[in-house]
PDB file of N, CA and C in Angstrom:
ATOM      1  N   MET A   1     121.470  60.001  60.457  1.00  0.00           N
ATOM      2  CA  MET A   1     122.576  60.997  59.775  1.00  0.00           C
ATOM      3  C   MET A   1     123.765  60.550  59.874  1.00  0.00           C
ATOM      4  N   LYS A   2     124.055  60.853  58.734  1.00  0.00           N
ATOM      5  CA  LYS A   2     125.964  59.831  58.544  1.00  0.00           C
ATOM      6  C   LYS A   2     126.746  61.216  59.049  1.00  0.00           C
ATOM      7  N   ARG A   3     127.815  60.421  59.649  1.00  0.00           N
ATOM      8  CA  ARG A   3     128.811  61.842  60.373  1.00  0.00           C
ATOM      9  C   ARG A   3     129.534  62.161  59.258  1.00  0.00           C
ATOM     10  N   PRO A   4     130.397  63.108  59.255  1.00  0.00           N
ATOM     11  CA  PRO A   4     131.312  63.063  58.653  1.00  0.00           C
ATOM     12  C   PRO A   4     132.847  62.845  58.612  1.00  0.00           C
ATOM     13  N   GLU A   5     133.281  62.442  57.864  1.00  0.00           N
ATOM     14  CA  GLU A   5     134.696  62.451  57.733  1.00  0.00           C
ATOM     15  C   GLU A   5     135.740  63.243  58.877  1.00  0.00           C
ATOM     16  N   PRO A   6     136.492  62.511  59.718  1.00  0.00           N
ATOM     17  CA  PRO A   6     137.359  63.164  60.533  1.00  0.00           C
ATOM     18  C   PRO A   6     138.369  64.429  60.015  1.00  0.00           C
ATOM     19  N   GLN A   7     138.362  65.515  60.031  1.00  0.00           N
ATOM     20  CA  GLN A   7     139.556  66.598  59.394  1.00  0.00           C
ATOM     21  C   GLN A   7     140.873  67.216  60.504  1.00  0.00           C
ATOM     22  N   LEU A   8     141.777  67.270  60.014  1.00  0.00           N
ATOM     23  CA  LEU A   8     142.645  67.745  61.116  1.00  0.00           C
ATOM     24  C   LEU A   8     142.209  69.490  61.305  1.00  0.00           C
ATOM     25  N   LEU A   9     142.461  69.640  62.065  1.00  0.00           N
ATOM     26  CA  LEU A   9     142.510  71.061  63.111  1.00  0.00           C
ATOM     27  C   LEU A   9     142.792  71.893  62.044  1.00  0.00           C
ATOM     28  N   ALA A  10     144.350  71.768  61.354  1.00  0.00           N
ATOM     29  CA  ALA A  10     144.840  72.669  60.497  1.00  0.00           C
ATOM     30  C   ALA A  10     144.044  72.909  59.486  1.00  0.00           C
ATOM     31  N   ASP A  11     143.581  71.808  58.871  1.00  0.00           N
ATOM     32  CA  ASP A  11     143.018  71.733  57.657  1.00  0.00           C
ATOM     33  C   ASP A  11     141.760  72.836  57.844  1.00  0.00           C
ATOM     34  N   ILE A  12     141.158  72.380  58.775  1.00  0.00           N
ATOM     35  CA  ILE A  12     139.521  73.385  59.037  1.00  0.00           C
ATOM     36  C   ILE A  12     140.004  74.919  59.053  1.00  0.00           C
ATOM     37  N   ILE A  13     140.396  75.304  59.796  1.00  0.00           N
ATOM     38  CA  ILE A  13     141.343  76.483  59.713  1.00  0.00           C
ATOM     39  C   ILE A  13     141.745  76.988  58.009  1.00  0.00           C
ATOM     40  N   LYS A  14     142.524  76.421  57.900  1.00  0.00           N
ATOM     41  CA  LYS A  14     142.860  76.657  56.256  1.00  0.00           C
ATOM     42  C   LYS A  14     141.803  77.088  55.486  1.00  0.00           C
ATOM     43  N   GLU A  15     141.046  76.328  55.398  1.00  0.00           N
ATOM     44  CA  GLU A  15     139.442  76.205  54.532  1.00  0.00           C
ATOM     45  C   GLU A  15     138.719  77.562  55.020  1.00  0.00           C
ATOM     46  N   LYS A  16     138.313  77.832  56.420  1.00  0.00           N
ATOM     47  CA  LYS A  16     137.870  78.645  56.631  1.00  0.00           C
ATOM     48  C   LYS A  16     138.966  80.244  56.348  1.00  0.00           C
ATOM     49  N   LEU A  17     140.012  80.258  56.106  1.00  0.00           N
ATOM     50  CA  LEU A  17     140.819  81.705  56.050  1.00  0.00           C
ATOM     51  C   LEU A  17     140.420  81.414  54.294  1.00  0.00           C
ATOM     52  N   MET A  18     140.601  80.658  53.523  1.00  0.00           N
ATOM     53  CA  MET A  18     140.582  80.616  52.135  1.00  0.00           C
ATOM     54  C   MET A  18     138.771  81.373  51.817  1.00  0.00           C
ATOM     55  N   THR A  19     138.014  80.648  52.595  1.00  0.00           N
ATOM     56  CA  THR A  19     136.304  81.048  52.305  1.00  0.00           C
ATOM     57  C   THR A  19     136.068  82.257  52.784  1.00  0.00           C
ATOM     58  N   ASP A  20     136.791  82.943  54.210  1.00  0.00           N
ATOM     59  CA  ASP A  20     136.205  84.305  54.188  1.00  0.00           C
ATOM     60  C   ASP A  20     137.427  85.369  53.580  1.00  0.00           C
ATOM     61  N   GLY A  21     138.488  84.600  52.824  1.00  0.00           N
ATOM     62  CA  GLY A  21     138.884  85.789  52.151  1.00  0.00           C
ATOM     63  C   GLY A  21     140.258  86.579  52.962  1.00  0.00           C
ATOM     64  N   ILE A  22     140.535  85.725  53.971  1.00  0.00           N
ATOM     65  CA  ILE A  22     141.444  86.243  55.023  1.00  0.00           C
ATOM     66  C   ILE A  22     143.286  85.867  54.934  1.00  0.00           C
ATOM     67  N   GLU A  23     143.153  84.467  54.077  1.00  0.00           N
ATOM     68  CA  GLU A  23     144.362  84.225  53.920  1.00  0.00           C
ATOM     69  C   GLU A  23     145.705  85.148  53.533  1.00  0.00           C
ATOM     70  N   PRO A  24     145.452  85.883  52.743  1.00  0.00           N
ATOM     71  CA  PRO A  24     146.954  86.644  52.469  1.00  0.00           C
ATOM     72  C   PRO A  24     147.279  87.627  53.678  1.00  0.00           C
ATOM     73  N   GLN A  25     146.148  88.116  54.506  1.00  0.00           N
ATOM     74  CA  GLN A  25     146.488  88.889  55.413  1.00  0.00           C
ATOM     75  C   GLN A  25     146.973  87.977  56.371  1.00  0.00           C
ATOM     76  N   PHE A  26     146.423  86.787  56.782  1.00  0.00           N
ATOM     77  CA  PHE A  26     147.263  85.840  57.668  1.00  0.00           C
ATOM     78  C   PHE A  26     148.825  85.285  57.103  1.00  0.00           C
ATOM     79  N   ASN A  27     148.814  85.309  55.994  1.00  0.00           N
ATOM     80  CA  ASN A  27     150.501  84.828  55.700  1.00  0.00           C
ATOM     81  C   ASN A  27     151.438  85.846  55.692  1.00  0.00           C
ATOM     82  N   GLU A  28     150.906  87.139  55.688  1.00  0.00           N
ATOM     83  CA  GLU A  28     151.274  88.583  55.772  1.00  0.00           C
ATOM     84  C   GLU A  28     152.117  88.334  57.478  1.00  0.00           C
ATOM     85  N   GLN A  29     151.251  88.405  58.204  1.00  0.00           N
ATOM     86  CA  GLN A  29     151.399  88.144  59.545  1.00  0.00           C
ATOM     87  C   GLN A  29     152.729  87.031  60.109  1.00  0.00           C
ATOM     88  N   ARG A  30     152.325  86.018  59.343  1.00  0.00           N
ATOM     89  CA  ARG A  30     152.921  84.745  59.522  1.00  0.00           C
ATOM     90  C   ARG A  30     154.272  85.140  59.190  1.00  0.00           C
ATOM     91  N   VAL A  31     154.441  85.698  58.054  1.00  0.00           N
ATOM     92  CA  VAL A  31     156.125  86.359  58.035  1.00  0.00           C
ATOM     93  C   VAL A  31     156.806  87.267  58.586  1.00  0.00           C
ATOM     94  N   LEU A  32     155.572  87.976  59.525  1.00  0.00           N
ATOM     95  CA  LEU A  32     156.611  88.863  60.205  1.00  0.00           C
ATOM     96  C   LEU A  32     156.593  88.228  61.515  1.00  0.00           C
ATOM     97  N   TYR A  33     155.979  87.282  61.848  1.00  0.00           N
ATOM     98  CA  TYR A  33     156.281  86.395  63.387  1.00  0.00           C
ATOM     99  C   TYR A  33     157.498  85.373  62.590  1.00  0.00           C
ATOM    100  N   LEU A  34     157.761  84.968  61.700  1.00  0.00           N
ATOM    101  CA  LEU A  34     158.725  84.005  61.135  1.00  0.00           C
ATOM    102  C   LEU A  34     160.209  84.646  60.923  1.00  0.00           C
ATOM    103  N   TRP A  35     160.173  86.357  60.976  1.00  0.00           N
ATOM    104  CA  TRP A  35     161.236  86.776  60.684  1.00  0.00           C
ATOM    105  C   TRP A  35     162.092  86.635  61.563  1.00  0.00           C
ATOM    106  N   GLN A  36     162.161  86.688  62.956  1.00  0.00           N
ATOM    107  CA  GLN A  36     163.119  85.952  63.954  1.00  0.00           C
ATOM    108  C   GLN A  36     163.430  84.716  63.898  1.00  0.00           C
ATOM    109  N   GLU A  37     162.803  83.909  63.265  1.00  0.00           N
ATOM    110  CA  GLU A  37     163.273  82.663  62.922  1.00  0.00           C
ATOM    111  C   GLU A  37     164.146  82.297  62.007  1.00  0.00           C
ATOM    112  N   VAL A  38     163.739  83.325  60.970  1.00  0.00           N
ATOM    113  CA  VAL A  38     164.652  82.915  59.370  1.00  0.00           C
ATOM    114  C   VAL A  38     165.894  83.560  59.719  1.00  0.00           C
ATOM    115  N   VAL A  39     166.038  84.936  60.568  1.00  0.00           N
ATOM    116  CA  VAL A  39     167.453  85.475  60.704  1.00  0.00           C
ATOM    117  C   VAL A  39     168.158  85.378  62.199  1.00  0.00           C
ATOM    118  N   GLY A  40     167.297  84.474  62.779  1.00  0.00           N
ATOM    119  CA  GLY A  40     168.312  84.351  63.997  1.00  0.00           C
ATOM    120  C   GLY A  40     168.310  85.344  65.088  1.00  0.00           C
ATOM    121  N   PRO A  41     168.340  85.257  66.126  1.00  0.00           N
ATOM    122  CA  PRO A  41     168.168  86.129  67.731  1.00  0.00           C
ATOM    123  C   PRO A  41     169.458  87.294  67.533  1.00  0.00           C
ATOM    124  N   GLY A  42     170.215  87.048  66.785  1.00  0.00           N
ATOM    125  CA  GLY A  42     171.275  88.277  66.209  1.00  0.00           C
ATOM    126  C   GLY A  42     170.709  89.256  65.545  1.00  0.00           C
ATOM    127  N   VAL A  43     170.331  88.792  64.625  1.00  0.00           N
ATOM    128  CA  VAL A  43     169.807  89.610  63.794  1.00  0.00           C
ATOM    129  C   VAL A  43     168.915  90.488  63.902  1.00  0.00           C
ATOM    130  N   ASN A  44     167.958  89.294  64.729  1.00  0.00           N
ATOM    131  CA  ASN A  44     166.573  89.822  65.341  1.00  0.00           C
ATOM    132  C   ASN A  44     166.673  91.051  66.225  1.00  0.00           C
ATOM    133  N   ARG A  45     167.850  91.069  67.218  1.00  0.00           N
ATOM    134  CA  ARG A  45     168.312  91.964  68.149  1.00  0.00           C
ATOM    135  C   ARG A  45     168.257  93.543  67.523  1.00  0.00           C
ATOM    136  N   TYR A  46     168.657  93.546  66.555  1.00  0.00           N
ATOM    137  CA  TYR A  46     168.841  94.770  65.638  1.00  0.00           C
ATOM    138  C   TYR A  46     167.546  95.580  64.852  1.00  0.00           C
ATOM    139  N   THR A  47     166.594  94.580  64.890  1.00  0.00           N
ATOM    140  CA  THR A  47     165.417  94.864  64.451  1.00  0.00           C
ATOM    141  C   THR A  47     164.511  95.297  64.885  1.00  0.00           C
ATOM    142  N   THR A  48     163.864  96.887  64.710  1.00  0.00           N
ATOM    143  CA  THR A  48     163.247  97.920  65.331  1.00  0.00           C
ATOM    144  C   THR A  48     161.905  97.604  65.142  1.00  0.00           C
ATOM    145  N   ARG A  49     161.213  97.584  63.943  1.00  0.00           N
ATOM    146  CA  ARG A  49     160.121  97.458  63.495  1.00  0.00           C
ATOM    147  C   ARG A  49     160.417  96.751  61.945  1.00  0.00           C
ATOM    148  N   ARG A  50     159.238  96.258  61.808  1.00  0.00           N
ATOM    149  CA  ARG A  50     158.612  95.642  60.692  1.00  0.00           C
ATOM    150  C   ARG A  50     157.263  95.515  60.070  1.00  0.00           C
ATOM    151  N   PHE A  51     157.157  95.597  58.962  1.00  0.00           N
ATOM    152  CA  PHE A  51     155.847  95.412  58.562  1.00  0.00           C
ATOM    153  C   PHE A  51     155.730  95.075  56.532  1.00  0.00           C
ATOM    154  N   ILE A  52     154.338  94.660  56.176  1.00  0.00           N
ATOM    155  CA  ILE A  52     154.547  94.502  54.779  1.00  0.00           C
ATOM    156  C   ILE A  52     153.482  95.434  54.364  1.00  0.00           C
ATOM    157  N   ASP A  53     153.627  96.202  53.094  1.00  0.00           N
ATOM    158  CA  ASP A  53     152.825  96.755  52.023  1.00  0.00           C
ATOM    159  C   ASP A  53     152.542  96.382  50.737  1.00  0.00           C
ATOM    160  N   ARG A  54     151.844  95.512  50.214  1.00  0.00           N
ATOM    161  CA  ARG A  54     151.926  95.152  48.922  1.00  0.00           C
ATOM    162  C   ARG A  54     152.895  93.877  49.183  1.00  0.00           C
ATOM    163  N   GLY A  55     152.889  93.450  49.440  1.00  0.00           N
ATOM    164  CA  GLY A  55     154.139  92.558  49.564  1.00  0.00           C
ATOM    165  C   GLY A  55     155.604  92.832  49.628  1.00  0.00           C
ATOM    166  N   VAL A  56     155.682  93.918  50.074  1.00  0.00           N
ATOM    167  CA  VAL A  56     157.113  94.668  49.993  1.00  0.00           C
ATOM    168  C   VAL A  56     157.173  94.389  51.742  1.00  0.00           C
ATOM    169  N   LEU A  57     157.898  93.613  52.352  1.00  0.00           N
ATOM    170  CA  LEU A  57     158.537  93.851  53.458  1.00  0.00           C
ATOM    171  C   LEU A  57     159.422  94.993  53.887  1.00  0.00           C
ATOM    172  N   HIS A  58     159.088  95.777  55.073  1.00  0.00           N
ATOM    173  CA  HIS A  58     160.010  96.517  55.454  1.00  0.00           C
ATOM    174  C   HIS A  58     160.523  96.623  56.550  1.00  0.00           C
ATOM    175  N   ILE A  59     161.969  96.415  56.433  1.00  0.00           N
ATOM    176  CA  ILE A  59     162.484  96.154  57.886  1.00  0.00           C
ATOM    177  C   ILE A  59     163.469  97.243  58.567  1.00  0.00           C
ATOM    178  N   TYR A  60     163.039  97.870  59.552  1.00  0.00           N
ATOM    179  CA  TYR A  60     163.880  98.901  60.405  1.00  0.00           C
ATOM    180  C   TYR A  60     164.764  97.925  61.287  1.00  0.00           C
ATOM    181  N   ILE A  61     166.112  98.542  60.644  1.00  0.00           N
ATOM    182  CA  ILE A  61     167.433  97.994  61.210  1.00  0.00           C
ATOM    183  C   ILE A  61     168.040  99.152  61.778  1.00  0.00           C
ATOM    184  N   SER A  62     168.411  99.150  63.273  1.00  0.00           N
ATOM    185  CA  SER A  62     169.407 100.114  64.192  1.00  0.00           C
ATOM    186  C   SER A  62     170.960  99.873  63.859  1.00  0.00           C
ATOM    187  N   SER A  63     171.700  99.197  63.128  1.00  0.00           N
ATOM    188  CA  SER A  63     172.909  98.961  62.751  1.00  0.00           C
ATOM    189  C   SER A  63     173.072  99.219  61.364  1.00  0.00           C
ATOM    190  N   ALA A  64     173.998  99.957  60.930  1.00  0.00           N
ATOM    191  CA  ALA A  64     173.955 100.319  59.746  1.00  0.00           C
ATOM    192  C   ALA A  64     175.365  99.624  58.915  1.00  0.00           C
ATOM    193  N   SER A  65     176.074  98.813  59.689  1.00  0.00           N
ATOM    194  CA  SER A  65     176.815  97.436  58.853  1.00  0.00           C
ATOM    195  C   SER A  65     175.803  96.682  58.508  1.00  0.00           C
ATOM    196  N   LEU A  66     175.016  96.187  59.709  1.00  0.00           N
ATOM    197  CA  LEU A  66     174.280  95.183  59.542  1.00  0.00           C
ATOM    198  C   LEU A  66     173.274  94.841  58.273  1.00  0.00           C
ATOM    199  N   LYS A  67     172.692  96.283  58.257  1.00  0.00           N
ATOM    200  CA  LYS A  67     171.782  96.958  57.142  1.00  0.00           C
ATOM    201  C   LYS A  67     172.398  96.870  56.135  1.00  0.00           C
ATOM    202  N   ASN A  68     173.596  97.098  55.722  1.00  0.00           N
ATOM    203  CA  ASN A  68     174.472  96.890  54.382  1.00  0.00           C
ATOM    204  C   ASN A  68     174.544  95.271  53.954  1.00  0.00           C
ATOM    205  N   GLU A  69     174.849  94.627  55.243  1.00  0.00           N
ATOM    206  CA  GLU A  69     175.490  93.282  54.772  1.00  0.00           C
ATOM    207  C   GLU A  69     173.918  92.501  54.455  1.00  0.00           C
ATOM    208  N   LEU A  70     172.977  92.824  54.884  1.00  0.00           N
ATOM    209  CA  LEU A  70     171.903  92.145  54.953  1.00  0.00           C
ATOM    210  C   LEU A  70     171.197  92.376  53.380  1.00  0.00           C
ATOM    211  N   SER A  71     171.333  93.646  53.271  1.00  0.00           N
ATOM    212  CA  SER A  71     171.010  93.729  51.759  1.00  0.00           C
ATOM    213  C   SER A  71     171.522  93.054  50.562  1.00  0.00           C
ATOM    214  N   PHE A  72     172.878  92.071  50.999  1.00  0.00           N
ATOM    215  CA  PHE A  72     173.420  91.454  49.990  1.00  0.00           C
ATOM    216  C   PHE A  72     172.390  90.044  50.106  1.00  0.00           C
ATOM    217  N   LEU A  73     172.017  89.850  50.802  1.00  0.00           N
ATOM    218  CA  LEU A  73     171.414  88.627  51.458  1.00  0.00           C
ATOM    219  C   LEU A  73     169.785  88.766  51.210  1.00  0.00           C
ATOM    220  N   ARG A  74     169.204  90.029  50.327  1.00  0.00           N
ATOM    221  CA  ARG A  74     167.802  90.310  50.401  1.00  0.00           C
ATOM    222  C   ARG A  74     167.364  88.816  49.550  1.00  0.00           C
ATOM    223  N   ALA A  75     167.624  88.299  48.496  1.00  0.00           N
ATOM    224  CA  ALA A  75     167.196  87.490  47.648  1.00  0.00           C
ATOM    225  C   ALA A  75     166.903  86.114  48.496  1.00  0.00           C
ATOM    226  N   LYS A  76     167.940  85.726  49.177  1.00  0.00           N
ATOM    227  CA  LYS A  76     168.184  84.734  49.545  1.00  0.00           C
ATOM    228  C   LYS A  76     166.649  84.695  50.977  1.00  0.00           C
ATOM    229  N   LEU A  77     166.610  85.640  51.804  1.00  0.00           N
ATOM    230  CA  LEU A  77     165.998  86.142  52.802  1.00  0.00           C
ATOM    231  C   LEU A  77     164.392  86.156  52.112  1.00  0.00           C
ATOM    232  N   ILE A  78     164.369  86.451  50.944  1.00  0.00           N
ATOM    233  CA  ILE A  78     162.997  86.520  50.502  1.00  0.00           C
ATOM    234  C   ILE A  78     162.203  85.340  50.290  1.00  0.00           C
ATOM    235  N   ASP A  79     163.397  84.056  49.805  1.00  0.00           N
ATOM    236  CA  ASP A  79     162.915  82.873  49.452  1.00  0.00           C
ATOM    237  C   ASP A  79     162.976  81.762  50.951  1.00  0.00           C
ATOM    238  N   GLU A  80     163.661  82.193  51.616  1.00  0.00           N
ATOM    239  CA  GLU A  80     163.550  81.633  53.070  1.00  0.00           C
ATOM    240  C   GLU A  80     162.036  82.206  53.826  1.00  0.00           C
ATOM    241  N   LEU A  81     161.916  83.230  53.503  1.00  0.00           N
ATOM    242  CA  LEU A  81     160.588  83.596  54.293  1.00  0.00           C
ATOM    243  C   LEU A  81     159.305  83.262  53.607  1.00  0.00           C
ATOM    244  N   ASN A  82     159.624  83.232  51.924  1.00  0.00           N
ATOM    245  CA  ASN A  82     158.378  82.557  51.708  1.00  0.00           C
ATOM    246  C   ASN A  82     158.342  81.006  51.683  1.00  0.00           C
ATOM    247  N   LYS A  83     159.460  80.171  51.682  1.00  0.00           N
ATOM    248  CA  LYS A  83     159.447  79.004  51.770  1.00  0.00           C
ATOM    249  C   LYS A  83     158.946  78.508  53.326  1.00  0.00           C
ATOM    250  N   ALA A  84     159.218  79.421  54.247  1.00  0.00           N
ATOM    251  CA  ALA A  84     158.647  79.396  55.835  1.00  0.00           C
ATOM    252  C   ALA A  84     157.069  79.526  55.811  1.00  0.00           C
ATOM    253  N   VAL A  85     156.589  80.317  55.110  1.00  0.00           N
ATOM    254  CA  VAL A  85     155.116  80.592  55.268  1.00  0.00           C
ATOM    255  C   VAL A  85     154.490  79.620  54.284  1.00  0.00           C
ATOM    256  N   GLY A  86     155.001  78.945  53.180  1.00  0.00           N
ATOM    257  CA  GLY A  86     154.461  78.163  51.955  1.00  0.00           C
ATOM    258  C   GLY A  86     153.874  78.896  51.080  1.00  0.00           C
ATOM    259  N   ALA A  87     154.026  79.721  50.889  1.00  0.00           N
ATOM    260  CA  ALA A  87     153.132  81.006  49.996  1.00  0.00           C
ATOM    261  C   ALA A  87     154.116  82.144  49.787  1.00  0.00           C
ATOM    262  N   LYS A  88     153.834  82.453  48.074  1.00  0.00           N
ATOM    263  CA  LYS A  88     154.590  83.910  47.798  1.00  0.00           C
ATOM    264  C   LYS A  88     154.020  85.369  48.201  1.00  0.00           C
ATOM    265  N   VAL A  89     154.707  85.073  49.402  1.00  0.00           N
ATOM    266  CA  VAL A  89     154.085  86.552  50.216  1.00  0.00           C
ATOM    267  C   VAL A  89     154.568  87.610  49.835  1.00  0.00           C
ATOM    268  N   VAL A  90     156.080  87.358  50.297  1.00  0.00           N
ATOM    269  CA  VAL A  90     157.447  88.824  49.968  1.00  0.00           C
ATOM    270  C   VAL A  90     157.778  88.729  48.393  1.00  0.00           C
ATOM    271  N   THR A  91     157.649  89.855  48.081  1.00  0.00           N
ATOM    272  CA  THR A  91     158.189  89.851  46.580  1.00  0.00           C
ATOM    273  C   THR A  91     159.595  91.092  46.819  1.00  0.00           C
ATOM    274  N   GLU A  92     159.407  91.399  47.918  1.00  0.00           N
ATOM    275  CA  GLU A  92     160.671  92.806  47.871  1.00  0.00           C
ATOM    276  C   GLU A  92     161.087  92.865  49.419  1.00  0.00           C
ATOM    277  N   ILE A  93     162.309  93.459  49.886  1.00  0.00           N
ATOM    278  CA  ILE A  93     162.425  93.641  51.065  1.00  0.00           C
ATOM    279  C   ILE A  93     163.146  95.142  51.072  1.00  0.00           C
ATOM    280  N   GLN A  94     163.137  95.808  51.676  1.00  0.00           N
ATOM    281  CA  GLN A  94     163.492  97.132  51.830  1.00  0.00           C
ATOM    282  C   GLN A  94     163.954  97.566  53.298  1.00  0.00           C
ATOM    283  N   PHE A  95     165.345  97.436  53.540  1.00  0.00           N
ATOM    284  CA  PHE A  95     165.672  98.084  54.818  1.00  0.00           C
ATOM    285  C   PHE A  95     165.839  99.408  54.931  1.00  0.00           C
ATOM    286  N   HIS A  96     165.761  99.965  56.111  1.00  0.00           N
ATOM    287  CA  HIS A  96     165.563 101.148  56.304  1.00  0.00           C
ATOM    288  C   HIS A  96     166.552 101.416  57.742  1.00  0.00           C
TER     289      HIS A  96
END
């Protein structure tokens, strides 16, 4: 019997996620995890809750002035998060 070619573990996991159809949910969870890396610890300190619903990232911020400042950076944050995940996951961000 011929042995299969070796594959990277990351490639095997990605293939399994795609065949099971759960890659979109996995990418959404990655966006939530990567939020703190994209915005940094200073902004993340004021983040109280975050979730994704149909491509819309909902972020709850405890500081009104920070919420206002982040709303001006909305397009840049969407680009940075999608780039960090490697897929177009976030289409909009709503700050609460």
